[in-house]
Protein backbone atom coordinates (compact mmCIF):
# COMPACT_ATOMS: atom_id res chain seq x y z
CA MET A 1 36.98 -50.98 -24.05
CA PHE A 2 33.34 -51.71 -24.82
CA LEU A 3 33.39 -49.44 -27.87
CA LYS A 4 36.66 -50.94 -29.13
CA ASN A 5 35.31 -54.49 -28.88
CA LEU A 6 32.04 -53.37 -30.44
CA TRP A 7 33.86 -51.88 -33.40
CA GLN A 8 35.91 -55.07 -33.96
CA ARG A 9 32.81 -57.19 -33.87
CA LEU A 10 31.02 -54.92 -36.29
CA ILE A 11 33.85 -55.26 -38.78
CA ALA A 12 33.61 -59.06 -38.50
CA LYS A 13 29.89 -59.06 -39.24
CA GLU A 14 29.05 -60.15 -42.77
CA ARG A 15 26.11 -57.73 -43.20
CA TRP A 16 28.26 -54.84 -41.98
CA ASN A 17 31.06 -55.73 -44.44
CA GLN A 18 28.60 -56.15 -47.28
CA ALA A 19 27.28 -52.66 -46.56
CA LYS A 20 30.86 -51.38 -46.52
CA LEU A 21 31.29 -52.48 -50.15
CA GLU A 22 28.99 -49.63 -51.16
CA ASN A 23 31.73 -47.12 -50.31
CA PRO A 24 35.03 -48.93 -49.66
CA SER A 25 37.09 -45.72 -49.57
CA SER A 26 35.14 -44.23 -46.67
CA ILE A 27 36.62 -44.55 -43.18
CA TRP A 28 33.36 -43.52 -41.52
CA PRO A 29 30.41 -45.97 -41.70
CA SER A 30 27.87 -45.25 -44.41
CA THR A 31 24.24 -44.29 -43.78
CA PHE A 32 23.19 -47.82 -44.75
CA GLN A 33 25.64 -49.30 -42.25
CA TRP A 34 24.26 -47.12 -39.48
CA SER A 35 20.73 -48.25 -40.35
CA LYS A 36 21.82 -51.90 -39.87
CA LEU A 37 23.55 -51.20 -36.55
CA LEU A 38 20.89 -52.65 -34.27
CA SER A 39 20.48 -55.77 -36.38
CA VAL A 40 24.08 -56.83 -35.82
CA LEU A 41 24.11 -56.27 -32.05
CA SER A 42 23.28 -58.77 -29.38
CA LEU A 43 20.67 -57.99 -26.72
CA ARG A 44 23.41 -57.26 -24.18
CA GLU A 45 25.16 -54.93 -26.61
CA LYS A 46 21.93 -53.13 -27.36
CA LEU A 47 21.33 -52.60 -23.63
CA ILE A 48 24.85 -51.28 -23.06
CA LEU A 49 24.54 -48.98 -26.07
CA ALA A 50 21.18 -47.64 -24.87
CA ILE A 51 22.58 -46.94 -21.41
CA SER A 52 25.63 -45.22 -22.91
CA VAL A 53 23.54 -43.02 -25.22
CA GLY A 54 21.09 -42.22 -22.43
CA THR A 55 23.92 -41.26 -20.09
CA PHE A 56 25.39 -39.02 -22.77
CA ILE A 57 22.05 -37.28 -23.35
CA ILE A 58 21.48 -36.75 -19.62
CA ALA A 59 25.00 -35.35 -19.23
CA LEU A 60 24.39 -33.06 -22.20
CA VAL A 61 21.11 -31.79 -20.67
CA ILE A 62 22.78 -31.20 -17.27
CA TRP A 63 25.65 -29.37 -18.91
CA GLY A 64 23.19 -27.28 -20.95
CA ALA A 65 21.21 -26.37 -17.85
CA TYR A 66 24.41 -25.46 -16.03
CA PHE A 67 25.54 -23.31 -18.95
CA LEU A 68 22.18 -21.51 -19.12
CA ASN A 69 22.16 -20.93 -15.38
CA LYS A 70 25.77 -19.74 -15.37
CA HIS A 71 25.75 -17.56 -18.46
CA THR A 72 22.14 -16.43 -18.98
CA LYS A 73 19.44 -14.70 -16.94
CA GLN A 74 15.70 -14.21 -17.18
CA THR A 75 14.75 -10.54 -17.48
CA ALA A 76 11.59 -8.51 -17.90
CA ALA A 77 10.23 -8.04 -21.39
CA TYR A 78 7.84 -5.47 -22.82
CA GLY A 79 4.27 -6.47 -23.60
CA GLY A 80 1.21 -8.00 -22.02
CA ALA A 81 -2.12 -6.74 -20.71
CA TYR A 82 -3.12 -6.44 -17.07
CA THR A 83 -6.70 -5.97 -15.81
CA GLU A 84 -7.71 -4.87 -12.31
CA ALA A 85 -11.11 -4.66 -10.63
CA ILE A 86 -11.91 -1.49 -8.69
CA VAL A 87 -14.97 -0.91 -6.52
CA GLY A 88 -16.50 2.50 -7.22
CA GLN A 89 -16.76 4.98 -10.07
CA PRO A 90 -14.15 7.47 -11.33
CA LYS A 91 -15.51 11.02 -11.19
CA HIS A 92 -12.52 13.33 -10.88
CA ILE A 93 -9.31 11.87 -12.34
CA ASN A 94 -7.57 14.95 -11.11
CA PRO A 95 -4.85 14.92 -8.40
CA ILE A 96 -6.41 17.90 -6.62
CA LEU A 97 -9.85 16.32 -6.32
CA ALA A 98 -8.91 12.62 -6.31
CA PRO A 99 -7.91 11.98 -2.65
CA THR A 100 -11.51 11.50 -1.47
CA ASN A 101 -12.34 8.80 -4.06
CA PRO A 102 -10.15 5.66 -4.25
CA ALA A 103 -11.00 5.02 -7.92
CA ASP A 104 -9.93 8.55 -8.87
CA ARG A 105 -6.86 8.29 -6.69
CA ASP A 106 -5.72 5.03 -8.32
CA LEU A 107 -6.02 6.40 -11.83
CA SER A 108 -4.43 9.72 -10.92
CA ALA A 109 -1.43 7.87 -9.48
CA LEU A 110 -0.79 6.35 -12.91
CA ILE A 111 -1.61 9.33 -15.12
CA PHE A 112 -0.02 12.19 -13.15
CA SER A 113 3.42 12.81 -11.67
CA GLY A 114 4.41 15.14 -8.85
CA LEU A 115 7.66 16.86 -8.02
CA THR A 116 8.37 13.88 -5.80
CA ARG A 117 6.84 10.49 -5.22
CA TYR A 118 6.94 7.62 -2.75
CA ASP A 119 8.86 4.48 -3.57
CA ASN A 120 7.61 1.02 -2.60
CA LYS A 121 9.15 1.34 0.87
CA GLY A 122 7.47 4.65 1.66
CA ASN A 123 10.54 6.83 1.05
CA ILE A 124 10.19 10.13 -0.82
CA VAL A 125 12.25 10.12 -4.02
CA PRO A 126 12.58 12.49 -7.01
CA ASP A 127 9.96 12.44 -9.77
CA LEU A 128 9.52 15.48 -12.01
CA ALA A 129 12.11 17.23 -9.87
CA GLU A 130 15.59 15.73 -10.12
CA ARG A 131 16.68 17.29 -6.81
CA TRP A 132 15.73 19.85 -4.17
CA ASP A 133 17.41 22.14 -1.67
CA ILE A 134 16.13 22.98 1.82
CA LEU A 135 17.15 26.49 2.78
CA GLU A 136 16.75 29.06 5.56
CA ASP A 137 16.47 26.44 8.32
CA GLY A 138 13.60 24.63 6.65
CA LYS A 139 11.47 27.61 5.59
CA VAL A 140 12.39 27.53 1.87
CA TYR A 141 12.34 24.58 -0.52
CA GLU A 142 13.73 24.87 -4.06
CA PHE A 143 12.95 22.12 -6.58
CA HIS A 144 14.97 21.71 -9.76
CA LEU A 145 12.90 20.19 -12.57
CA ARG A 146 14.36 17.60 -14.89
CA PRO A 147 15.46 18.99 -18.26
CA ASP A 148 13.21 18.73 -21.31
CA LEU A 149 10.02 17.69 -19.52
CA VAL A 150 6.99 17.64 -21.83
CA TRP A 151 3.31 16.82 -21.63
CA PRO A 152 1.89 13.99 -23.78
CA ASP A 153 0.76 16.58 -26.37
CA GLY A 154 4.31 17.89 -26.72
CA GLU A 155 3.87 21.10 -24.72
CA SER A 156 6.71 22.00 -22.36
CA LEU A 157 6.26 21.24 -18.65
CA ASN A 158 7.85 23.90 -16.44
CA ALA A 159 7.65 25.74 -13.14
CA GLN A 160 4.48 27.59 -14.19
CA ASP A 161 2.56 24.29 -14.32
CA VAL A 162 3.66 23.52 -10.75
CA ILE A 163 2.76 27.01 -9.49
CA PHE A 164 -0.62 26.85 -11.24
CA THR A 165 -1.42 23.51 -9.57
CA ILE A 166 -0.53 24.74 -6.07
CA GLN A 167 -2.49 27.97 -6.52
CA LYS A 168 -5.54 25.97 -7.55
CA ILE A 169 -5.22 23.90 -4.38
CA GLN A 170 -5.00 27.13 -2.37
CA ASN A 171 -8.07 28.67 -4.01
CA ASN A 172 -11.04 28.54 -1.64
CA SER A 173 -13.40 28.29 -4.63
CA VAL A 174 -11.84 24.95 -5.56
CA ARG A 175 -12.98 22.73 -2.72
CA ASN A 176 -10.40 20.06 -2.02
CA SER A 177 -8.93 18.13 0.91
CA LEU A 178 -5.35 19.22 0.13
CA LEU A 179 -5.88 22.86 1.08
CA PRO A 180 -4.66 22.51 4.72
CA ASN A 181 -1.31 21.18 3.42
CA TRP A 182 -0.68 24.35 1.42
CA LEU A 183 -2.11 27.15 3.56
CA SER A 184 0.17 30.21 3.62
CA VAL A 185 2.77 28.53 1.38
CA LYS A 186 4.10 30.90 -1.28
CA ALA A 187 4.82 29.23 -4.64
CA GLU A 188 6.94 31.08 -7.18
CA GLU A 189 9.40 30.56 -9.99
CA GLY A 190 13.07 30.46 -9.08
CA SER A 191 15.93 31.91 -11.06
CA ASP A 192 14.60 30.27 -14.23
CA ALA A 193 11.61 28.25 -15.50
CA SER A 194 13.14 24.98 -14.29
CA ILE A 195 13.17 25.96 -10.61
CA VAL A 196 10.15 26.11 -8.28
CA LYS A 197 10.47 27.83 -4.93
CA PHE A 198 8.19 27.31 -1.93
CA THR A 199 8.37 29.61 1.08
CA LEU A 200 6.72 28.39 4.29
CA PRO A 201 5.56 30.66 7.11
CA ALA A 202 7.54 28.49 9.54
CA PRO A 203 9.76 25.39 9.29
CA TYR A 204 7.71 22.24 8.79
CA SER A 205 9.74 19.05 8.54
CA PRO A 206 7.10 16.77 6.91
CA PHE A 207 6.53 19.30 4.08
CA LEU A 208 8.21 17.14 1.41
CA GLN A 209 5.32 14.64 1.41
CA ASN A 210 3.00 17.43 0.20
CA THR A 211 5.04 17.68 -2.99
CA THR A 212 3.94 14.21 -4.13
CA VAL A 213 0.70 15.77 -5.45
CA GLY A 214 0.31 15.36 -9.22
CA ILE A 215 0.89 18.39 -11.44
CA LEU A 216 -1.83 19.70 -13.79
CA PRO A 217 -1.10 20.96 -17.34
CA ARG A 218 -1.59 24.73 -17.09
CA HIS A 219 -2.13 25.16 -20.83
CA LEU A 220 -5.29 23.00 -20.64
CA TRP A 221 -6.71 24.16 -17.32
CA ALA A 222 -5.88 27.88 -17.36
CA GLU A 223 -9.12 28.90 -19.05
CA VAL A 224 -11.34 26.76 -16.80
CA GLN A 225 -13.21 28.92 -14.28
CA ASN A 226 -12.99 27.93 -10.62
CA GLU A 227 -16.73 27.35 -10.38
CA ASN A 228 -16.45 24.85 -13.25
CA PHE A 229 -13.30 23.15 -12.00
CA SER A 230 -14.90 20.06 -10.46
CA GLY A 231 -17.41 19.58 -13.30
CA HIS A 232 -15.12 20.07 -16.29
CA GLU A 233 -14.70 17.26 -18.82
CA LEU A 234 -10.93 17.24 -18.25
CA ASN A 235 -11.67 15.43 -15.01
CA THR A 236 -12.70 12.34 -16.99
CA LYS A 237 -10.44 12.99 -19.99
CA PRO A 238 -7.24 13.82 -18.11
CA MET A 239 -3.75 14.42 -19.40
CA GLY A 240 -0.81 14.13 -17.05
CA ALA A 241 2.92 13.54 -17.02
CA GLY A 242 2.77 10.08 -15.43
CA ALA A 243 3.80 6.68 -16.73
CA TYR A 244 0.45 6.04 -18.46
CA SER A 245 -2.18 7.95 -20.39
CA ILE A 246 -5.78 7.14 -21.26
CA ASP A 247 -6.31 5.03 -24.37
CA ARG A 248 -10.08 4.51 -24.25
CA ILE A 249 -13.07 4.76 -21.94
CA GLU A 250 -16.03 2.37 -22.12
CA ARG A 251 -19.36 3.64 -20.82
CA GLU A 252 -22.64 1.94 -20.06
CA ARG A 253 -25.70 3.10 -21.98
CA PRO A 254 -27.93 4.95 -21.30
CA SER A 255 -26.62 5.76 -17.79
CA GLY A 256 -23.21 6.94 -19.00
CA SER A 257 -21.44 5.34 -16.04
CA ILE A 258 -17.90 4.20 -16.76
CA VAL A 259 -17.52 0.43 -17.20
CA SER A 260 -13.79 0.36 -17.88
CA ILE A 261 -10.79 2.56 -18.62
CA THR A 262 -7.81 1.34 -20.62
CA LEU A 263 -4.40 2.95 -20.25
CA LYS A 264 -1.36 2.88 -22.51
CA PRO A 265 2.24 3.96 -21.81
CA ASN A 266 2.85 7.70 -21.98
CA GLU A 267 5.35 8.09 -24.82
CA LYS A 268 6.54 11.40 -23.35
CA TYR A 269 7.16 10.03 -19.85
CA TRP A 270 10.49 11.25 -18.51
CA ASP A 271 11.59 7.84 -17.26
CA ARG A 272 11.90 4.42 -18.89
CA ALA A 273 8.64 3.16 -20.35
CA PRO A 274 6.76 0.61 -18.21
CA TYR A 275 6.95 -3.01 -19.34
CA ILE A 276 3.19 -3.66 -19.29
CA GLN A 277 1.73 -2.17 -22.44
CA THR A 278 -1.96 -2.28 -21.56
CA LEU A 279 -3.57 -1.53 -18.21
CA LYS A 280 -7.32 -1.98 -17.96
CA PHE A 281 -9.48 -1.08 -14.98
CA LYS A 282 -12.99 -2.47 -14.63
CA PHE A 283 -15.37 -0.79 -12.20
CA PHE A 284 -17.85 -2.59 -9.95
CA GLN A 285 -20.49 -1.41 -7.50
CA THR A 286 -19.72 -3.88 -4.70
CA PRO A 287 -16.73 -5.90 -3.42
CA GLU A 288 -18.76 -9.05 -4.04
CA GLU A 289 -19.09 -8.23 -7.75
CA ALA A 290 -15.38 -7.47 -7.99
CA ALA A 291 -14.49 -10.71 -6.19
CA ASP A 292 -16.76 -12.67 -8.51
CA ALA A 293 -14.94 -11.22 -11.53
CA TYR A 294 -11.63 -12.14 -9.93
CA ARG A 295 -12.74 -15.71 -9.23
CA GLN A 296 -13.92 -16.08 -12.82
CA LYS A 297 -10.54 -14.72 -14.01
CA SER A 298 -12.09 -11.91 -16.03
CA VAL A 299 -9.67 -9.65 -14.11
CA ASP A 300 -6.14 -10.30 -12.92
CA ALA A 301 -6.38 -8.47 -9.61
CA MET A 302 -8.61 -6.60 -7.19
CA GLY A 303 -7.58 -3.11 -6.17
CA GLY A 304 -7.58 -3.93 -2.48
CA ILE A 305 -10.21 -5.60 -0.32
CA ASN A 306 -11.39 -5.28 3.25
CA ALA A 307 -10.65 -8.03 5.72
CA SER A 308 -14.35 -8.92 5.83
CA ASN A 309 -14.12 -9.90 2.16
CA VAL A 310 -11.09 -12.19 2.44
CA SER A 311 -13.51 -15.10 2.63
CA LEU A 312 -14.58 -14.30 -0.95
CA LEU A 313 -11.18 -15.40 -2.25
CA ARG A 314 -10.17 -18.87 -3.35
CA GLN A 315 -7.81 -20.86 -1.15
CA ASN A 316 -4.91 -20.80 -3.65
CA ASP A 317 -5.27 -17.16 -4.72
CA LEU A 318 -2.16 -15.00 -4.59
CA VAL A 319 -2.57 -12.27 -1.97
CA ILE A 320 -0.01 -9.48 -1.69
CA SER A 321 -0.06 -7.30 1.42
CA ALA A 322 1.65 -4.10 2.53
CA SER A 323 1.73 -1.95 5.64
CA LEU A 324 -0.21 1.31 5.75
CA PRO A 325 0.13 4.29 8.11
CA ARG A 326 -3.30 3.77 9.64
CA TYR A 327 -4.65 2.17 12.79
CA PHE A 328 -7.77 1.54 14.84
CA ALA A 329 -8.07 2.40 18.50
CA ILE A 330 -10.47 3.17 21.31
CA PHE A 331 -10.27 6.90 22.03
CA PHE A 332 -11.34 7.67 25.58
CA ASN A 333 -13.26 10.91 26.23
CA GLN A 334 -12.45 11.58 29.88
CA THR A 335 -14.68 14.67 29.93
CA ALA A 336 -17.78 12.59 29.14
CA SER A 337 -17.53 10.02 31.92
CA LYS A 338 -16.04 9.88 35.42
CA ILE A 339 -15.54 6.17 34.91
CA ILE A 340 -13.42 6.80 31.78
CA ALA A 341 -11.51 9.50 33.68
CA ASP A 342 -10.31 6.82 36.11
CA LYS A 343 -6.89 5.80 34.79
CA THR A 344 -7.09 2.43 36.54
CA VAL A 345 -10.20 1.62 34.53
CA ARG A 346 -8.48 2.59 31.28
CA LEU A 347 -5.47 0.43 32.16
CA ALA A 348 -7.70 -2.50 33.11
CA LEU A 349 -9.46 -2.28 29.75
CA SER A 350 -6.06 -2.44 28.05
CA TYR A 351 -4.99 -5.51 30.01
CA ALA A 352 -8.35 -7.16 29.30
CA THR A 353 -8.01 -6.75 25.51
CA ASP A 354 -6.61 -9.61 23.44
CA LYS A 355 -5.30 -7.70 20.41
CA ASN A 356 -3.92 -10.80 18.71
CA LYS A 357 -7.35 -12.39 18.73
CA ILE A 358 -8.86 -9.26 17.18
CA LEU A 359 -6.17 -9.18 14.49
CA ASN A 360 -6.46 -12.87 13.61
CA GLU A 361 -10.23 -13.30 13.76
CA ILE A 362 -11.35 -9.99 12.24
CA TRP A 363 -8.44 -8.98 10.02
CA HIS A 364 -7.38 -12.58 9.22
CA GLY A 365 -3.85 -11.80 10.40
CA TYR A 366 -3.26 -9.08 7.81
CA GLY A 367 -1.69 -6.38 9.93
CA GLN A 368 0.05 -5.81 13.23
CA THR A 369 -1.11 -5.27 16.78
CA LEU A 370 -0.45 -1.81 18.11
CA ASP A 371 0.77 -0.45 21.43
CA SER A 372 1.49 3.18 20.51
CA PRO A 373 0.19 5.90 18.17
CA LEU A 374 2.88 5.20 15.54
CA VAL A 375 2.94 2.26 13.14
CA ASN A 376 6.01 0.09 12.58
CA GLY A 377 8.00 1.63 9.72
CA MET A 378 7.25 5.24 10.59
CA LEU A 379 9.92 7.67 11.73
CA GLY A 380 10.45 7.36 15.47
CA TYR A 381 8.60 4.08 15.90
CA THR A 382 10.18 1.91 18.57
CA GLU A 383 9.30 -1.33 20.30
CA ASP A 384 11.37 -0.36 23.30
CA LEU A 385 8.29 0.86 25.16
CA PRO A 386 6.09 -0.52 27.93
CA LYS A 387 3.22 -2.64 26.68
CA TYR A 388 -0.13 -3.54 28.16
CA ASP A 389 -0.07 -7.22 27.28
CA PHE A 390 -3.19 -9.34 27.46
CA ALA A 391 -3.46 -10.13 31.18
CA PRO A 392 -7.11 -10.42 32.30
CA ASP A 393 -6.16 -11.59 35.81
CA HIS A 394 -4.06 -8.46 36.28
CA ALA A 395 -6.99 -6.36 35.02
CA ARG A 396 -9.22 -7.92 37.69
CA ASN A 397 -6.61 -7.40 40.38
CA ILE A 398 -6.04 -3.70 39.74
CA LEU A 399 -9.78 -3.04 39.57
CA GLU A 400 -10.30 -4.92 42.82
CA ALA A 401 -7.44 -3.05 44.49
CA THR A 402 -8.98 0.33 43.67
CA GLY A 403 -12.46 -0.49 44.92
CA TRP A 404 -14.16 -1.78 41.77
CA THR A 405 -15.79 -4.94 43.12
CA ASP A 406 -18.66 -7.25 42.24
CA THR A 407 -20.58 -7.34 45.51
CA ASP A 408 -23.84 -8.79 44.19
CA ASN A 409 -22.34 -11.44 41.86
CA ASP A 410 -23.98 -10.05 38.72
CA ASN A 411 -20.61 -10.01 36.89
CA ILE A 412 -20.61 -6.20 36.85
CA ARG A 413 -18.24 -4.33 39.10
CA SER A 414 -19.32 -1.22 40.96
CA LYS A 415 -17.79 1.48 43.12
CA GLY A 416 -19.51 4.13 45.24
CA GLY A 417 -22.89 3.04 43.94
CA ASN A 418 -21.86 3.36 40.26
CA ASN A 419 -21.77 0.31 38.01
CA LEU A 420 -18.74 -0.11 35.78
CA VAL A 421 -20.58 0.48 32.49
CA ILE A 422 -18.94 1.86 29.35
CA THR A 423 -20.48 2.72 25.97
CA ILE A 424 -18.49 2.06 22.79
CA THR A 425 -19.53 4.26 19.86
CA THR A 426 -18.45 3.17 16.40
CA LEU A 427 -19.18 3.24 12.68
CA ASP A 428 -21.55 0.84 10.95
CA ASN A 429 -18.73 -1.16 9.40
CA PRO A 430 -18.27 -4.97 9.47
CA GLU A 431 -14.76 -4.93 10.97
CA LEU A 432 -15.56 -2.27 13.55
CA THR A 433 -18.86 -3.73 14.73
CA LYS A 434 -17.24 -7.16 15.12
CA THR A 435 -14.37 -5.57 17.03
CA ALA A 436 -16.85 -3.84 19.34
CA GLU A 437 -18.57 -7.14 20.03
CA MET A 438 -15.26 -8.83 20.83
CA LEU A 439 -14.28 -5.99 23.17
CA LYS A 440 -17.63 -6.31 24.92
CA SER A 441 -16.95 -9.99 25.55
CA MET A 442 -13.34 -9.45 26.67
CA TRP A 443 -14.20 -6.59 29.00
CA GLY A 444 -17.19 -8.47 30.35
CA ALA A 445 -14.82 -11.23 31.46
CA VAL A 446 -13.21 -8.81 33.95
CA GLY A 447 -16.48 -7.34 35.19
CA VAL A 448 -16.99 -4.39 32.84
CA SER A 449 -20.44 -4.02 31.29
CA THR A 450 -20.26 -2.67 27.76
CA GLU A 451 -22.94 -1.12 25.60
CA ILE A 452 -22.44 -0.63 21.86
CA LYS A 453 -23.77 2.26 19.81
CA VAL A 454 -23.44 1.78 16.02
CA LEU A 455 -23.94 4.86 13.85
CA SER A 456 -23.93 5.69 10.17
CA ASN A 457 -21.21 7.91 8.70
CA SER A 458 -23.27 11.09 9.00
CA GLN A 459 -24.58 10.21 12.47
CA LEU A 460 -21.09 9.45 13.75
CA ARG A 461 -19.76 12.71 12.37
CA ASP A 462 -22.62 15.00 13.39
CA ASP A 463 -23.94 13.38 16.58
CA ALA A 464 -20.78 11.99 18.16
CA ILE A 465 -17.44 13.27 16.81
CA ARG A 466 -18.23 16.93 16.26
CA PRO A 467 -19.93 17.50 19.64
CA ARG A 468 -17.55 14.99 21.36
CA THR A 469 -20.45 13.17 23.03
CA TYR A 470 -18.94 9.66 23.06
CA GLU A 471 -17.35 7.90 26.02
CA ALA A 472 -15.19 5.39 24.13
CA LEU A 473 -14.91 5.91 20.38
CA LEU A 474 -13.82 2.93 18.25
CA PHE A 475 -12.38 4.69 15.23
CA GLY A 476 -9.48 4.75 12.80
CA TYR A 477 -6.74 7.27 12.06
CA GLU A 478 -5.09 7.60 8.66
CA LEU A 479 -1.65 9.11 9.11
CA SER A 480 1.21 10.17 6.88
CA ILE A 481 4.29 8.01 6.53
CA ASP A 482 6.35 10.96 7.72
CA PRO A 483 4.43 11.46 10.95
CA ASP A 484 3.13 14.73 12.31
CA PRO A 485 1.02 13.72 15.35
CA PHE A 486 0.36 17.38 16.17
CA SER A 487 -3.22 17.42 14.86
CA PHE A 488 -4.16 14.23 16.67
CA TRP A 489 -2.64 14.87 20.10
CA HIS A 490 -1.91 18.59 20.62
CA SER A 491 -4.22 20.28 23.13
CA SER A 492 -5.13 23.00 20.60
CA GLN A 493 -6.74 20.34 18.41
CA ARG A 494 -9.24 18.98 20.99
CA PHE A 495 -12.45 20.34 19.52
CA ASP A 496 -14.19 20.23 16.18
CA PRO A 497 -13.04 20.40 13.42
CA TRP A 498 -9.70 19.15 14.74
CA PRO A 499 -9.02 15.42 15.24
CA ASN A 500 -7.75 15.14 18.84
CA LEU A 501 -10.47 12.58 19.57
CA SER A 502 -9.23 11.79 23.09
CA LEU A 503 -9.37 15.50 23.98
CA TYR A 504 -5.85 14.91 25.20
CA ASN A 505 -4.38 17.84 27.12
CA ASN A 506 -0.75 17.66 28.21
CA LYS A 507 1.38 20.81 28.04
CA GLU A 508 4.67 18.90 28.08
CA MET A 509 3.41 16.85 25.16
CA ASP A 510 2.45 20.04 23.32
CA LYS A 511 6.06 21.22 23.51
CA ILE A 512 7.34 17.89 22.15
CA LEU A 513 4.95 17.98 19.19
CA GLU A 514 5.68 21.62 18.40
CA GLU A 515 9.43 21.02 18.42
CA ALA A 516 9.28 17.79 16.39
CA ARG A 517 7.45 19.27 13.42
CA GLN A 518 10.17 21.93 13.02
CA LYS A 519 13.25 19.73 13.35
CA GLN A 520 14.98 18.99 10.05
CA ASN A 521 17.30 16.34 11.46
CA PRO A 522 15.43 13.00 11.28
CA ASP A 523 17.39 11.51 14.19
CA GLU A 524 16.40 14.39 16.44
CA ARG A 525 12.79 14.08 15.34
CA ALA A 526 12.86 10.34 16.01
CA GLU A 527 14.03 10.93 19.58
CA LEU A 528 11.21 13.40 20.16
CA TYR A 529 8.67 10.93 18.76
CA LYS A 530 9.94 8.27 21.16
CA LYS A 531 9.23 10.65 24.05
CA PHE A 532 5.83 11.30 22.52
CA GLN A 533 4.99 7.59 22.43
CA GLN A 534 6.25 7.04 25.96
CA THR A 535 4.07 9.84 27.32
CA ILE A 536 0.96 8.62 25.49
CA ILE A 537 1.43 5.09 26.80
CA ASP A 538 1.91 6.36 30.34
CA ASP A 539 -1.21 8.56 30.25
CA ALA A 540 -3.37 5.96 28.43
CA PRO A 541 -5.77 8.39 26.67
CA ALA A 542 -6.46 5.65 24.11
CA LEU A 543 -6.35 1.90 23.69
CA PHE A 544 -4.43 1.13 20.51
CA LEU A 545 -5.61 -2.04 18.78
CA VAL A 546 -4.46 -2.96 15.27
CA ALA A 547 -2.89 -1.51 12.15
CA PRO A 548 -4.46 -3.44 9.25
CA GLU A 549 -2.51 -4.04 6.05
CA PHE A 550 -3.48 -3.33 2.46
CA ILE A 551 -4.74 -6.63 1.00
CA TYR A 552 -4.13 -7.01 -2.74
CA PRO A 553 -5.37 -10.20 -4.49
CA ASN A 554 -3.41 -10.62 -7.69
CA THR A 555 -2.31 -12.96 -10.45
CA PRO A 556 0.74 -15.25 -10.14
CA LYS A 557 1.65 -14.13 -13.68
CA LEU A 558 2.61 -10.68 -12.42
CA LYS A 559 6.33 -10.34 -11.71
CA GLY A 560 8.46 -7.47 -10.48
CA ILE A 561 5.93 -6.19 -7.96
CA GLU A 562 7.30 -5.33 -4.54
CA ILE A 563 5.29 -3.27 -2.06
CA ASN A 564 6.25 -2.90 1.57
CA PHE A 565 4.93 0.33 3.09
CA LEU A 566 2.38 2.47 1.23
CA ALA A 567 1.41 6.06 2.02
CA ASN A 568 -2.05 5.02 0.81
CA PRO A 569 -3.26 2.08 -1.30
CA SER A 570 -2.88 4.00 -4.58
CA TRP A 571 0.87 4.13 -4.08
CA ARG A 572 0.96 0.41 -4.90
CA PHE A 573 1.63 1.70 -8.45
CA ALA A 574 4.73 3.65 -7.37
CA GLU A 575 7.10 1.22 -9.10
CA ILE A 576 4.74 0.01 -11.81
CA LYS A 577 7.40 0.52 -14.45
CA ASN A 578 9.07 -2.62 -13.02
CA TRP A 579 5.94 -4.78 -13.14
CA HIS A 580 5.98 -7.28 -15.98
CA LEU A 581 4.03 -10.20 -17.38
CA LYS A 582 6.54 -11.35 -19.99
CA THR A 583 10.17 -12.40 -19.69
CA LYS A 584 13.12 -13.10 -21.99
CA ILE A 585 16.47 -14.89 -21.71
CA GLU A 586 19.64 -12.85 -21.98
CA LEU A 587 23.35 -13.58 -21.64
CA LYS A 588 24.85 -12.33 -18.41
C-alpha cells in the first residue's frame, strides 16, 4: 500500500513529470527521475523508504548466508609455509639411527615411510604395504607392497629395499637401538619383488609395531661400508619415500652446525600430496631460545616442551596435547631395604601420595594420574581395578596398626629400633626433583622420613640402576602403544641390562606375561593384561604416579591437525597430509 501511494504521489509531482518529458514513451522511470527521487519525498516517506531498503538488504544478506551455509563448504587448500622450532641438532636423519635423537626422529618421520605407520589415534595402519597376512599361528608375516612404488629419484622401491634395511638393523657393526626388535627375525623376498616375508623364531603379538621403521633406499646405501654407516653424508642428505623431501639446509659458519632445514612435498609419494607446501625446522640449543622464537612469532610452533617450560608460553597461546605411552613411578627395590620389603609401608606410601597435586603443580595438568603399569588407551587398560586413593589418615592408621609408631614425638615413626627412613633416588631433572620434594613432604606428613639423592644421567645409570643399589627409584618408563610388559616385569629381566627396576619376582605373573606376548587375539591379550594389572596392584612393587602428555604449542592458523595418542612425539606428523593453512569455498 505504501509503495502504491508513493507511486501515485510521484506521478503528481511537477518535477517528476517534468523529468518524464525527457522520455515519454518509457514506462520505467528515467535515470534523471531516479536522481530526483529523494527531493520529492517527505521526511516520513524518506524514513519509510530507508527502513524498507534496509530490511531488504538485511534479508538478502541472511538469505545469502543461508545459501552459502546450505550449499557450500570450506575445505583445505594447497599452499602455505609452516615453521617449527626444535631443540637439538640433527645428526643422523636416518630411521635406523634416529630413535635416540628427537630432532633426527622428527625429520625421519617426515622423510621416510615404513611398511606400516601409526595413525593419530595410535593404531597401526598400512603405509608402503597395502596389506599383510599373519600366518603359521603368528610366526610368519607377509607384507604386500603397493604397486609402482618409487623413490624420489625415480628408482623402483621393492622388497629388496625392505630386506636391506632390516639386515642393516640386525648387523652388529651398525650400532642402533632397534636391534633387539629384530633379533633372530628372518627377512626374505616372497613369491615376487612386491612381497616381503618375515619369519619369527616364536609368535610375538606386538611384532607389527616394529614394521613402522622407515625404509632406506638400497641403491644409495648398498656401497656404504658398515664402519662408515653412522658417519656417511647420506645421514644429513637423506632420501626417503615419505611425504616430504629435503629442499635446502642452512648451516652456521664456521661451525657447520645446522640452523634450519626446509622440506618440500615428495612428488613421488605414494599417497595424496600434503597441503602444506613448505615445512621449515629451526634448531635451537635450549627450550628457552625456542620459546623466545615462538613468542616473537618467528616460528609457528615448538616441537614439544617439558612441563617445566609451560610458564614460558603466553597466556593466549594455542597448546595442543596428546597422550603418550610413558609414565613415572617409584620403583621399590625390596632387596635393598627391609623397610621397603614391608608391604604395609609400601601401601602407606601409596595412600600418602596426592597424585592429583603432583600432576597439577608439576605437569600443569597435562597428563593423567596412574594406578597401574598401563596407560589409558593401551590394549588391556582398565579402570575396573582397586586404587590407592589419597588417604593420609588411612596411611597413618595402617602404619600404627603394624607397629610403626612415633614414640618420641619427632614426627618419624620407628619399629624395633629402626626409624622409618626411605631414600628416593632420581635423575637431575626439574620435574623429577620437584616430584621428589613433594613426595618427601607428603610422606613426612604420615611419619616417614625421606632423603633425596639426585644424580646425573651417567651416575644414575652406572651407580644406581645397573648395580640396583637404590631403595626407591623415581624414574620413567617409555612403553609401546601395543604393550609388552615382559621386559619390565618378568623375573628373568630383574638384573642389568634388563629393565625390571622393581626386581619383581612372581612366577604366576611370568606365565601371564609369556602367554600374552604370543596371543594373536587382542581380546584374549586384553584379558591377560587385566590380570597382570590386578596382580601388580595387589603386590605393590611400585607406586605409579603420572603419565604426562605431549605438549605442543602451535599456531591458531593451523587446521586439520588431530592428535590423540602418539607412540612417541614424532608421530605427531602421522597425518600431516591433512594439516593445512589455507582454505577454499566449494559447493557441496
